[in-house]
N, C-alpha and C. Protein backbone atom coordinates (compact mmCIF):
# COMPACT_ATOMS: atom_id res chain seq x y z
N MET A 1 11.86 8.74 -0.42
CA MET A 1 11.60 9.60 -1.60
C MET A 1 11.07 8.74 -2.67
N THR A 2 10.23 9.24 -3.46
CA THR A 2 9.60 8.61 -4.65
C THR A 2 10.71 8.05 -5.56
N LEU A 3 10.44 6.97 -6.24
CA LEU A 3 11.42 6.35 -7.19
C LEU A 3 10.73 5.88 -8.42
N LEU A 4 11.38 6.06 -9.53
CA LEU A 4 10.89 5.54 -10.82
C LEU A 4 12.05 4.69 -11.39
N GLN A 5 11.72 3.46 -11.73
CA GLN A 5 12.67 2.57 -12.44
C GLN A 5 11.91 2.04 -13.69
N ILE A 6 12.58 2.15 -14.80
CA ILE A 6 12.02 1.74 -16.11
C ILE A 6 12.89 0.65 -16.70
N THR A 7 12.32 -0.46 -17.09
CA THR A 7 13.04 -1.52 -17.62
C THR A 7 12.15 -2.19 -18.88
N PRO A 8 12.87 -2.82 -19.76
CA PRO A 8 12.09 -3.51 -20.79
C PRO A 8 11.17 -4.62 -20.09
N ASP A 9 10.08 -4.89 -20.74
CA ASP A 9 9.19 -5.88 -20.12
C ASP A 9 9.72 -7.31 -20.21
N ASP A 10 10.68 -7.51 -21.04
CA ASP A 10 11.31 -8.85 -21.22
C ASP A 10 12.73 -8.90 -20.59
N ALA A 11 13.13 -7.90 -19.89
CA ALA A 11 14.45 -7.86 -19.36
C ALA A 11 14.47 -6.98 -18.07
N PRO A 12 13.94 -7.50 -16.95
CA PRO A 12 13.79 -6.76 -15.77
C PRO A 12 15.11 -6.28 -15.12
N ASP A 13 16.24 -6.89 -15.51
CA ASP A 13 17.50 -6.51 -14.95
C ASP A 13 18.19 -5.40 -15.80
N ASN A 14 17.63 -5.04 -16.92
CA ASN A 14 18.26 -4.09 -17.78
C ASN A 14 17.50 -2.70 -17.46
N VAL A 15 18.13 -1.94 -16.53
CA VAL A 15 17.48 -0.72 -16.09
C VAL A 15 17.82 0.36 -17.04
N LEU A 16 16.74 0.98 -17.66
CA LEU A 16 16.90 2.04 -18.68
C LEU A 16 16.93 3.37 -17.97
N LEU A 17 16.21 3.47 -16.88
CA LEU A 17 16.13 4.75 -16.08
C LEU A 17 15.83 4.44 -14.66
N ARG A 18 16.61 5.02 -13.71
CA ARG A 18 16.31 4.89 -12.29
C ARG A 18 16.53 6.31 -11.67
N THR A 19 15.47 6.93 -11.15
CA THR A 19 15.61 8.27 -10.70
C THR A 19 14.66 8.54 -9.54
N ARG A 20 15.10 9.45 -8.69
CA ARG A 20 14.27 9.94 -7.58
C ARG A 20 13.95 11.45 -7.82
N ASP A 21 14.31 11.91 -8.97
CA ASP A 21 14.03 13.35 -9.33
C ASP A 21 12.55 13.50 -9.62
N GLU A 22 11.83 14.18 -8.86
CA GLU A 22 10.36 14.32 -9.09
C GLU A 22 9.95 14.87 -10.43
N GLN A 23 10.75 15.82 -10.94
CA GLN A 23 10.44 16.45 -12.21
C GLN A 23 10.64 15.45 -13.34
N VAL A 24 11.72 14.66 -13.27
CA VAL A 24 11.98 13.57 -14.27
C VAL A 24 10.91 12.51 -14.22
N ILE A 25 10.55 12.12 -12.99
CA ILE A 25 9.47 11.11 -12.85
C ILE A 25 8.16 11.72 -13.48
N ALA A 26 7.72 12.86 -13.07
CA ALA A 26 6.52 13.45 -13.65
C ALA A 26 6.57 13.51 -15.18
N GLN A 27 7.64 13.89 -15.76
CA GLN A 27 7.75 14.06 -17.23
C GLN A 27 7.75 12.62 -17.91
N ALA A 28 8.47 11.70 -17.40
CA ALA A 28 8.54 10.30 -17.96
C ALA A 28 7.08 9.73 -17.90
N LEU A 29 6.37 9.90 -16.82
CA LEU A 29 5.06 9.39 -16.65
C LEU A 29 4.09 10.14 -17.63
N ARG A 30 4.18 11.40 -17.64
CA ARG A 30 3.25 12.23 -18.38
C ARG A 30 3.36 11.86 -19.88
N GLU A 31 4.61 11.51 -20.36
CA GLU A 31 4.70 11.07 -21.76
C GLU A 31 3.97 9.78 -22.04
N ARG A 32 3.55 9.12 -20.96
CA ARG A 32 2.80 7.83 -21.09
C ARG A 32 1.33 7.94 -20.66
N SER A 33 0.92 9.23 -20.48
CA SER A 33 -0.47 9.59 -20.05
C SER A 33 -0.79 9.20 -18.64
N VAL A 34 0.25 9.15 -17.77
CA VAL A 34 0.16 8.83 -16.41
C VAL A 34 0.42 10.17 -15.66
N SER A 35 -0.42 10.48 -14.69
CA SER A 35 -0.22 11.79 -13.97
C SER A 35 0.43 11.48 -12.67
N PHE A 36 1.50 12.30 -12.32
CA PHE A 36 2.15 12.12 -11.08
C PHE A 36 2.36 13.61 -10.51
N SER A 37 1.93 13.86 -9.27
CA SER A 37 2.21 15.11 -8.61
C SER A 37 2.29 14.87 -7.12
N ARG A 38 2.63 15.96 -6.47
CA ARG A 38 2.71 15.83 -4.99
C ARG A 38 1.76 16.80 -4.29
N TRP A 39 1.23 16.40 -3.14
CA TRP A 39 0.43 17.27 -2.30
C TRP A 39 1.19 17.54 -1.12
N PRO A 40 1.09 18.63 -0.44
CA PRO A 40 1.82 18.94 0.75
C PRO A 40 1.21 18.03 1.83
N LEU A 41 2.04 17.57 2.72
CA LEU A 41 1.58 16.71 3.81
C LEU A 41 0.92 17.56 4.85
N ARG A 42 -0.38 17.24 5.16
CA ARG A 42 -1.12 18.03 6.02
C ARG A 42 -1.53 17.29 7.35
N ALA A 43 -1.18 16.06 7.41
CA ALA A 43 -1.57 15.24 8.53
C ALA A 43 -0.52 14.14 8.82
N GLN A 44 -0.18 13.91 10.06
CA GLN A 44 0.63 12.80 10.34
C GLN A 44 -0.33 11.65 10.65
N VAL A 45 -0.18 10.54 9.86
CA VAL A 45 -1.05 9.43 9.95
C VAL A 45 -0.43 8.33 10.89
N THR A 46 -1.32 8.01 11.85
CA THR A 46 -0.96 6.92 12.79
C THR A 46 -2.13 5.87 12.69
N PRO A 47 -1.91 4.73 13.25
CA PRO A 47 -3.05 3.77 13.27
C PRO A 47 -4.29 4.29 13.86
N GLN A 48 -4.18 5.31 14.68
CA GLN A 48 -5.38 5.84 15.43
C GLN A 48 -6.01 6.95 14.60
N THR A 49 -5.37 7.47 13.54
CA THR A 49 -5.96 8.44 12.69
C THR A 49 -7.16 7.86 11.95
N SER A 50 -8.36 8.47 12.15
CA SER A 50 -9.52 7.99 11.42
C SER A 50 -9.58 8.43 10.00
N SER A 51 -10.26 7.75 9.18
CA SER A 51 -10.44 8.07 7.76
C SER A 51 -11.01 9.47 7.68
N GLU A 52 -11.95 9.81 8.55
CA GLU A 52 -12.62 11.11 8.47
C GLU A 52 -11.61 12.17 8.81
N GLU A 53 -10.74 12.05 9.73
CA GLU A 53 -9.70 12.96 10.05
C GLU A 53 -8.77 13.15 8.99
N LEU A 54 -8.35 12.09 8.31
CA LEU A 54 -7.44 12.25 7.20
C LEU A 54 -8.14 12.95 6.04
N LEU A 55 -9.29 12.62 5.70
CA LEU A 55 -9.99 13.24 4.57
C LEU A 55 -10.28 14.73 4.83
N ASP A 56 -10.55 14.99 6.08
CA ASP A 56 -10.71 16.45 6.46
C ASP A 56 -9.41 17.22 6.29
N ALA A 57 -8.34 16.67 6.60
CA ALA A 57 -7.00 17.33 6.51
C ALA A 57 -6.74 17.70 5.00
N TYR A 58 -7.15 16.82 4.05
CA TYR A 58 -6.99 17.03 2.68
C TYR A 58 -8.26 17.48 1.94
N ARG A 59 -9.21 17.98 2.64
CA ARG A 59 -10.53 18.29 2.03
C ARG A 59 -10.39 19.14 0.77
N VAL A 60 -9.62 20.25 0.81
CA VAL A 60 -9.52 21.17 -0.37
C VAL A 60 -8.92 20.36 -1.59
N GLU A 61 -7.91 19.61 -1.43
CA GLU A 61 -7.29 18.83 -2.55
C GLU A 61 -8.26 17.79 -3.00
N VAL A 62 -8.94 17.02 -2.10
CA VAL A 62 -9.85 16.01 -2.45
C VAL A 62 -11.05 16.59 -3.27
N ASP A 63 -11.62 17.65 -2.76
CA ASP A 63 -12.71 18.24 -3.50
C ASP A 63 -12.35 18.68 -4.89
N GLU A 64 -11.16 19.34 -4.94
CA GLU A 64 -10.78 19.91 -6.29
C GLU A 64 -10.50 18.72 -7.30
N LEU A 65 -9.94 17.71 -6.79
CA LEU A 65 -9.59 16.59 -7.67
C LEU A 65 -10.92 15.89 -8.10
N CYS A 66 -11.82 15.71 -7.23
CA CYS A 66 -13.09 15.07 -7.48
C CYS A 66 -13.83 15.90 -8.58
N ALA A 67 -13.96 17.17 -8.32
CA ALA A 67 -14.59 18.11 -9.23
C ALA A 67 -13.99 18.04 -10.58
N GLY A 68 -12.66 18.20 -10.63
CA GLY A 68 -11.90 18.28 -11.92
C GLY A 68 -11.96 16.94 -12.74
N GLN A 69 -12.07 15.84 -12.09
CA GLN A 69 -12.04 14.54 -12.83
C GLN A 69 -13.36 13.80 -12.82
N GLY A 70 -14.40 14.27 -12.22
CA GLY A 70 -15.65 13.59 -12.16
C GLY A 70 -15.66 12.42 -11.27
N LEU A 71 -14.77 12.46 -10.22
CA LEU A 71 -14.70 11.29 -9.26
C LEU A 71 -15.76 11.53 -8.14
N ARG A 72 -16.50 10.51 -7.95
CA ARG A 72 -17.62 10.62 -6.97
C ARG A 72 -17.43 9.91 -5.62
N LEU A 73 -16.60 8.98 -5.58
CA LEU A 73 -16.41 8.15 -4.36
C LEU A 73 -14.96 8.25 -3.92
N VAL A 74 -14.76 8.43 -2.60
CA VAL A 74 -13.49 8.52 -2.02
C VAL A 74 -13.47 7.63 -0.77
N ASP A 75 -12.44 6.82 -0.64
CA ASP A 75 -12.23 6.12 0.64
C ASP A 75 -10.74 6.03 1.02
N VAL A 76 -10.49 5.39 2.11
CA VAL A 76 -9.10 5.28 2.61
C VAL A 76 -8.75 3.81 2.73
N ALA A 77 -7.65 3.37 2.09
CA ALA A 77 -7.08 2.03 2.27
C ALA A 77 -5.93 2.12 3.06
N ARG A 78 -5.69 1.21 4.06
CA ARG A 78 -4.56 1.32 4.97
C ARG A 78 -4.27 -0.03 5.51
N LEU A 79 -2.98 -0.13 5.83
CA LEU A 79 -2.47 -1.26 6.57
C LEU A 79 -1.34 -0.76 7.49
N HIS A 80 -1.32 -1.06 8.66
CA HIS A 80 -0.26 -0.70 9.55
C HIS A 80 0.22 -1.96 10.34
N PRO A 81 1.48 -2.07 10.53
CA PRO A 81 1.96 -3.26 11.16
C PRO A 81 1.40 -3.49 12.55
N GLU A 82 1.09 -4.71 12.82
CA GLU A 82 0.56 -5.10 14.17
C GLU A 82 1.27 -6.41 14.51
N GLU A 83 1.10 -6.72 15.79
CA GLU A 83 1.75 -7.97 16.27
C GLU A 83 0.81 -9.17 15.98
N GLY A 84 1.35 -10.34 15.82
CA GLY A 84 0.66 -11.60 15.88
C GLY A 84 0.49 -12.21 14.45
N ALA A 85 0.18 -13.49 14.51
CA ALA A 85 0.06 -14.34 13.30
C ALA A 85 -1.15 -13.85 12.53
N GLU A 86 -2.25 -13.47 13.13
CA GLU A 86 -3.45 -13.03 12.44
C GLU A 86 -3.12 -11.90 11.49
N TRP A 87 -2.43 -10.86 12.00
CA TRP A 87 -2.07 -9.66 11.22
C TRP A 87 -1.15 -10.14 10.09
N GLN A 88 -0.15 -10.99 10.28
CA GLN A 88 0.66 -11.49 9.31
C GLN A 88 -0.05 -12.15 8.11
N GLU A 89 -0.98 -13.00 8.44
CA GLU A 89 -1.80 -13.59 7.46
C GLU A 89 -2.59 -12.63 6.62
N ARG A 90 -3.22 -11.65 7.35
CA ARG A 90 -4.06 -10.63 6.70
C ARG A 90 -3.14 -9.75 5.77
N ALA A 91 -1.98 -9.43 6.23
CA ALA A 91 -1.01 -8.65 5.40
C ALA A 91 -0.56 -9.42 4.24
N ALA A 92 -0.25 -10.69 4.33
CA ALA A 92 0.17 -11.48 3.23
C ALA A 92 -0.86 -11.62 2.25
N LYS A 93 -2.13 -11.79 2.66
CA LYS A 93 -3.34 -11.96 1.76
C LYS A 93 -3.45 -10.62 1.02
N ALA A 94 -3.47 -9.56 1.69
CA ALA A 94 -3.64 -8.22 1.08
C ALA A 94 -2.58 -8.03 0.05
N ARG A 95 -1.25 -8.33 0.38
CA ARG A 95 -0.19 -8.12 -0.55
C ARG A 95 -0.38 -8.94 -1.82
N SER A 96 -0.75 -10.16 -1.66
CA SER A 96 -0.84 -11.06 -2.79
C SER A 96 -1.97 -10.84 -3.69
N THR A 97 -2.99 -10.10 -3.20
CA THR A 97 -4.21 -9.83 -3.97
C THR A 97 -3.93 -9.05 -5.30
N PHE A 98 -2.99 -8.06 -5.24
CA PHE A 98 -2.77 -7.26 -6.44
C PHE A 98 -1.35 -7.42 -6.97
N LEU A 99 -0.71 -8.47 -6.69
CA LEU A 99 0.67 -8.78 -7.10
C LEU A 99 0.67 -9.24 -8.59
N ASP A 100 -0.46 -9.65 -9.11
CA ASP A 100 -0.61 -10.20 -10.48
C ASP A 100 -1.10 -9.06 -11.40
N GLU A 101 -0.67 -9.05 -12.61
CA GLU A 101 -0.97 -8.05 -13.53
C GLU A 101 -2.51 -7.95 -13.77
N HIS A 102 -3.03 -6.73 -13.72
CA HIS A 102 -4.45 -6.55 -13.96
C HIS A 102 -4.65 -5.17 -14.48
N ARG A 103 -5.90 -4.85 -14.77
CA ARG A 103 -6.36 -3.48 -15.19
C ARG A 103 -7.64 -3.21 -14.59
N HIS A 104 -8.01 -1.93 -14.72
CA HIS A 104 -9.33 -1.50 -14.19
C HIS A 104 -10.08 -0.79 -15.26
N ALA A 105 -11.41 -0.78 -15.06
CA ALA A 105 -12.34 -0.13 -16.11
C ALA A 105 -12.31 1.38 -15.97
N GLU A 106 -11.83 1.93 -14.94
CA GLU A 106 -11.65 3.34 -14.79
C GLU A 106 -10.28 3.74 -14.24
N ASP A 107 -9.95 4.99 -14.27
CA ASP A 107 -8.63 5.43 -13.87
C ASP A 107 -8.45 4.97 -12.40
N GLU A 108 -7.18 4.66 -12.16
CA GLU A 108 -6.74 4.35 -10.77
C GLU A 108 -6.04 5.60 -10.20
N VAL A 109 -6.69 6.29 -9.29
CA VAL A 109 -6.22 7.50 -8.66
C VAL A 109 -5.94 7.29 -7.17
N ARG A 110 -4.71 7.47 -6.82
CA ARG A 110 -4.33 7.20 -5.35
C ARG A 110 -3.43 8.37 -4.88
N PHE A 111 -3.73 8.76 -3.62
CA PHE A 111 -2.91 9.69 -2.99
C PHE A 111 -2.35 9.00 -1.67
N PHE A 112 -0.99 8.91 -1.60
CA PHE A 112 -0.35 8.31 -0.43
C PHE A 112 -0.13 9.25 0.67
N ALA A 113 -0.91 9.14 1.75
CA ALA A 113 -0.84 10.02 2.90
C ALA A 113 0.25 9.50 3.96
N HIS A 114 0.56 8.27 3.78
CA HIS A 114 1.52 7.70 4.74
C HIS A 114 2.14 6.44 4.10
N GLY A 115 3.38 6.12 4.35
CA GLY A 115 4.03 4.84 4.00
C GLY A 115 4.47 4.81 2.51
N THR A 116 4.50 3.60 1.99
CA THR A 116 5.08 3.29 0.73
C THR A 116 4.36 2.13 0.01
N GLY A 117 4.34 2.20 -1.26
CA GLY A 117 3.81 1.11 -2.10
C GLY A 117 4.37 1.31 -3.56
N CYS A 118 4.37 0.33 -4.33
CA CYS A 118 4.91 0.40 -5.67
C CYS A 118 3.84 -0.03 -6.71
N PHE A 119 3.62 0.81 -7.65
CA PHE A 119 2.84 0.51 -8.92
C PHE A 119 3.78 0.13 -10.01
N TYR A 120 3.57 -1.00 -10.59
CA TYR A 120 4.30 -1.39 -11.70
C TYR A 120 3.44 -1.32 -12.92
N LEU A 121 3.69 -0.33 -13.83
CA LEU A 121 2.88 -0.02 -14.96
C LEU A 121 3.47 -0.71 -16.17
N HIS A 122 2.72 -1.58 -16.81
CA HIS A 122 3.19 -2.28 -17.95
C HIS A 122 2.63 -1.47 -19.24
N LEU A 123 3.53 -0.69 -19.74
CA LEU A 123 3.21 0.26 -20.85
C LEU A 123 3.92 -0.06 -22.12
N ASP A 124 3.20 -0.67 -23.03
CA ASP A 124 3.81 -1.30 -24.27
C ASP A 124 4.89 -2.27 -23.89
N ASP A 125 6.06 -2.07 -24.31
CA ASP A 125 7.15 -2.95 -24.08
C ASP A 125 8.11 -2.62 -22.84
N ARG A 126 7.56 -1.72 -21.95
CA ARG A 126 8.29 -1.28 -20.75
C ARG A 126 7.47 -1.47 -19.53
N VAL A 127 8.27 -1.57 -18.43
CA VAL A 127 7.61 -1.66 -17.07
C VAL A 127 8.18 -0.46 -16.32
N TYR A 128 7.24 0.34 -15.86
CA TYR A 128 7.58 1.55 -15.02
C TYR A 128 7.26 1.22 -13.62
N ALA A 129 8.22 0.97 -12.79
CA ALA A 129 8.02 0.71 -11.37
C ALA A 129 8.05 2.11 -10.69
N VAL A 130 6.88 2.46 -10.11
CA VAL A 130 6.76 3.82 -9.50
C VAL A 130 6.52 3.53 -7.98
N VAL A 131 7.60 3.73 -7.20
CA VAL A 131 7.54 3.69 -5.76
C VAL A 131 6.98 5.01 -5.22
N CYS A 132 5.73 4.89 -4.68
CA CYS A 132 5.06 6.13 -4.15
C CYS A 132 5.25 6.12 -2.64
N GLU A 133 5.39 7.35 -2.15
CA GLU A 133 5.55 7.57 -0.71
C GLU A 133 4.66 8.72 -0.30
N ALA A 134 4.62 8.97 0.93
CA ALA A 134 3.70 10.04 1.55
C ALA A 134 3.90 11.29 0.74
N GLY A 135 2.72 11.82 0.25
CA GLY A 135 2.63 13.02 -0.53
C GLY A 135 2.41 12.85 -1.98
N ASP A 136 2.62 11.61 -2.42
CA ASP A 136 2.54 11.30 -3.95
C ASP A 136 1.08 11.06 -4.33
N LEU A 137 0.65 11.68 -5.41
CA LEU A 137 -0.61 11.43 -6.08
C LEU A 137 -0.35 10.89 -7.44
N LEU A 138 -0.88 9.71 -7.73
CA LEU A 138 -0.64 8.99 -8.98
C LEU A 138 -2.02 8.68 -9.63
N SER A 139 -2.17 8.94 -10.93
CA SER A 139 -3.37 8.70 -11.57
C SER A 139 -2.98 7.90 -12.84
N VAL A 140 -3.50 6.66 -12.93
CA VAL A 140 -3.15 5.68 -13.97
C VAL A 140 -4.36 5.54 -14.87
N PRO A 141 -4.27 5.69 -16.11
CA PRO A 141 -5.49 5.62 -16.98
C PRO A 141 -6.16 4.23 -16.95
N ALA A 142 -7.47 4.39 -17.20
CA ALA A 142 -8.24 3.07 -17.32
C ALA A 142 -7.70 2.19 -18.37
N GLY A 143 -7.64 0.93 -18.08
CA GLY A 143 -7.17 -0.14 -18.98
C GLY A 143 -5.66 -0.37 -18.98
N THR A 144 -4.90 0.40 -18.14
CA THR A 144 -3.49 0.23 -18.09
C THR A 144 -3.19 -1.05 -17.33
N ARG A 145 -2.42 -1.94 -17.96
CA ARG A 145 -1.98 -3.19 -17.27
C ARG A 145 -0.91 -2.81 -16.17
N HIS A 146 -1.20 -3.32 -15.00
CA HIS A 146 -0.25 -2.92 -13.82
C HIS A 146 -0.44 -4.01 -12.76
N TRP A 147 0.43 -3.89 -11.75
CA TRP A 147 0.31 -4.61 -10.49
C TRP A 147 0.78 -3.78 -9.38
N PHE A 148 0.48 -4.11 -8.18
CA PHE A 148 0.81 -3.22 -7.04
C PHE A 148 1.50 -4.04 -5.87
N ASP A 149 2.47 -3.55 -5.33
CA ASP A 149 3.18 -4.28 -4.21
C ASP A 149 3.21 -3.32 -3.02
N MET A 150 2.70 -3.82 -1.94
CA MET A 150 2.69 -2.99 -0.66
C MET A 150 3.81 -3.47 0.24
N GLY A 151 4.65 -4.32 -0.12
CA GLY A 151 5.85 -4.76 0.62
C GLY A 151 5.48 -5.94 1.60
N PRO A 152 6.59 -6.54 2.15
CA PRO A 152 6.44 -7.73 2.99
C PRO A 152 5.79 -7.31 4.32
N VAL A 153 5.97 -6.09 4.75
CA VAL A 153 5.42 -5.59 6.04
C VAL A 153 4.65 -4.30 5.61
N PRO A 154 3.41 -4.54 5.13
CA PRO A 154 2.68 -3.36 4.63
C PRO A 154 2.47 -2.25 5.68
N ASP A 155 2.81 -1.03 5.34
CA ASP A 155 2.66 0.08 6.24
C ASP A 155 2.31 1.32 5.31
N PHE A 156 1.07 1.54 5.01
CA PHE A 156 0.72 2.62 4.12
C PHE A 156 -0.68 3.05 4.48
N CYS A 157 -1.06 4.26 3.91
CA CYS A 157 -2.40 4.78 4.02
C CYS A 157 -2.62 5.60 2.73
N ALA A 158 -3.56 5.18 1.95
CA ALA A 158 -3.80 5.87 0.65
C ALA A 158 -5.25 6.27 0.56
N VAL A 159 -5.48 7.45 0.02
CA VAL A 159 -6.83 7.91 -0.39
C VAL A 159 -7.10 7.39 -1.79
N ARG A 160 -8.22 6.74 -1.91
CA ARG A 160 -8.56 6.19 -3.28
C ARG A 160 -9.78 6.95 -3.83
N PHE A 161 -9.69 7.20 -5.07
CA PHE A 161 -10.77 7.91 -5.77
C PHE A 161 -11.44 7.10 -6.82
N PHE A 162 -12.77 7.13 -6.98
CA PHE A 162 -13.43 6.31 -7.93
C PHE A 162 -14.61 7.09 -8.64
N GLU A 163 -14.98 6.65 -9.79
CA GLU A 163 -16.11 7.12 -10.40
C GLU A 163 -17.35 6.32 -9.99
N LYS A 164 -17.13 4.99 -9.84
CA LYS A 164 -18.24 4.07 -9.52
C LYS A 164 -17.74 3.20 -8.33
N GLU A 165 -18.74 2.52 -7.67
CA GLU A 165 -18.34 1.71 -6.46
C GLU A 165 -17.47 0.54 -6.81
N ASP A 166 -17.58 0.01 -8.02
CA ASP A 166 -16.79 -1.21 -8.31
C ASP A 166 -15.54 -0.81 -9.17
N GLY A 167 -15.20 0.43 -9.13
CA GLY A 167 -14.09 0.98 -9.82
C GLY A 167 -12.75 0.40 -9.53
N TRP A 168 -12.65 -0.20 -8.29
CA TRP A 168 -11.38 -0.82 -7.84
C TRP A 168 -11.16 -2.32 -8.29
N VAL A 169 -12.27 -2.86 -8.84
CA VAL A 169 -12.30 -4.31 -9.23
C VAL A 169 -11.21 -4.48 -10.31
N GLY A 170 -10.43 -5.51 -10.11
CA GLY A 170 -9.33 -5.75 -11.16
C GLY A 170 -9.79 -6.81 -12.15
N ASP A 171 -9.34 -6.60 -13.44
CA ASP A 171 -9.54 -7.49 -14.48
C ASP A 171 -8.17 -8.14 -14.71
N PHE A 172 -7.95 -9.33 -14.16
CA PHE A 172 -6.60 -9.89 -14.18
C PHE A 172 -6.25 -10.51 -15.60
N THR A 173 -5.10 -10.22 -16.07
CA THR A 173 -4.67 -10.65 -17.40
C THR A 173 -4.27 -12.11 -17.51
N GLN A 174 -3.96 -12.74 -16.35
CA GLN A 174 -3.48 -14.14 -16.40
C GLN A 174 -2.02 -14.25 -16.90
N GLU A 175 -1.40 -13.19 -17.18
CA GLU A 175 0.03 -13.12 -17.63
C GLU A 175 0.92 -13.24 -16.38
N PRO A 176 2.00 -14.02 -16.44
CA PRO A 176 2.86 -14.15 -15.29
C PRO A 176 4.05 -13.12 -15.19
N ILE A 177 3.90 -12.01 -15.97
CA ILE A 177 4.97 -11.04 -16.03
C ILE A 177 5.42 -10.48 -14.72
N ALA A 178 4.60 -10.30 -13.78
CA ALA A 178 4.90 -9.68 -12.46
C ALA A 178 5.95 -10.57 -11.72
N GLU A 179 5.93 -11.89 -11.90
CA GLU A 179 6.80 -12.80 -11.21
C GLU A 179 8.23 -12.53 -11.50
N SER A 180 8.56 -11.94 -12.65
CA SER A 180 9.95 -11.65 -13.10
C SER A 180 10.57 -10.38 -12.55
N PHE A 181 9.74 -9.51 -12.02
CA PHE A 181 10.32 -8.24 -11.61
C PHE A 181 10.57 -8.14 -10.09
N PRO A 182 11.59 -7.34 -9.64
CA PRO A 182 11.89 -7.14 -8.29
C PRO A 182 10.67 -6.62 -7.47
N ARG A 183 10.43 -7.14 -6.33
CA ARG A 183 9.43 -6.60 -5.48
C ARG A 183 9.86 -5.32 -4.84
N LEU A 184 8.91 -4.69 -4.14
CA LEU A 184 9.16 -3.31 -3.57
C LEU A 184 10.40 -3.35 -2.68
N ASP A 185 10.53 -4.32 -1.71
CA ASP A 185 11.69 -4.31 -0.82
C ASP A 185 12.94 -4.48 -1.53
N ALA A 186 13.01 -5.18 -2.69
CA ALA A 186 14.28 -5.28 -3.46
C ALA A 186 14.61 -3.97 -4.15
N LEU A 187 13.56 -3.25 -4.64
CA LEU A 187 13.78 -1.96 -5.31
C LEU A 187 14.38 -1.00 -4.36
N LEU A 188 13.85 -0.96 -3.12
CA LEU A 188 14.32 -0.02 -2.14
C LEU A 188 15.74 -0.41 -1.64
N ARG A 189 16.04 -1.66 -1.62
CA ARG A 189 17.43 -2.08 -1.21
C ARG A 189 18.45 -1.65 -2.20
N GLU A 190 18.00 -1.60 -3.42
CA GLU A 190 19.02 -1.18 -4.50
C GLU A 190 19.48 0.20 -4.39
N GLY A 191 19.00 0.93 -3.48
CA GLY A 191 19.49 2.27 -3.29
C GLY A 191 18.68 3.24 -3.89
């Protein structure tokens, strides 16, 4: 189930709010101009599910979202556990790519069709750790400082929405803040 944990940006162990209540999560994020909602799960995603099959299953929602927000490009990002050292290296590289604080020139809009990932949103003097799971749609405004953790054994499938082809490119802040916060696996262990 989805999780929101809010802490001061200078005291990651001082939990101000920790909840799995979707209404509380949506309200807390809405107050910070971040949109959170849920889509019904329409497809069981396996490593064999093609991107086209997945997008077809959510065609109505995808088309409505694109039309409503002026989003022109849609793709699918995914990692599923595999055997072998090559996959472990690829997964570790993928995980480390977005573990540092960065921002984007356009809104970051993601729908989780499968698995789990955590967006850490650095909003003023707070960090909002949003653990997204299958069915979650998160829209983070352009320019929001954040980082993303897909966990030590990435297993997720997310539909990504963009205005432009380079909309996913991160502008890294060079701030070490992310190093001080618990990773996805630690957040989930805490109950």
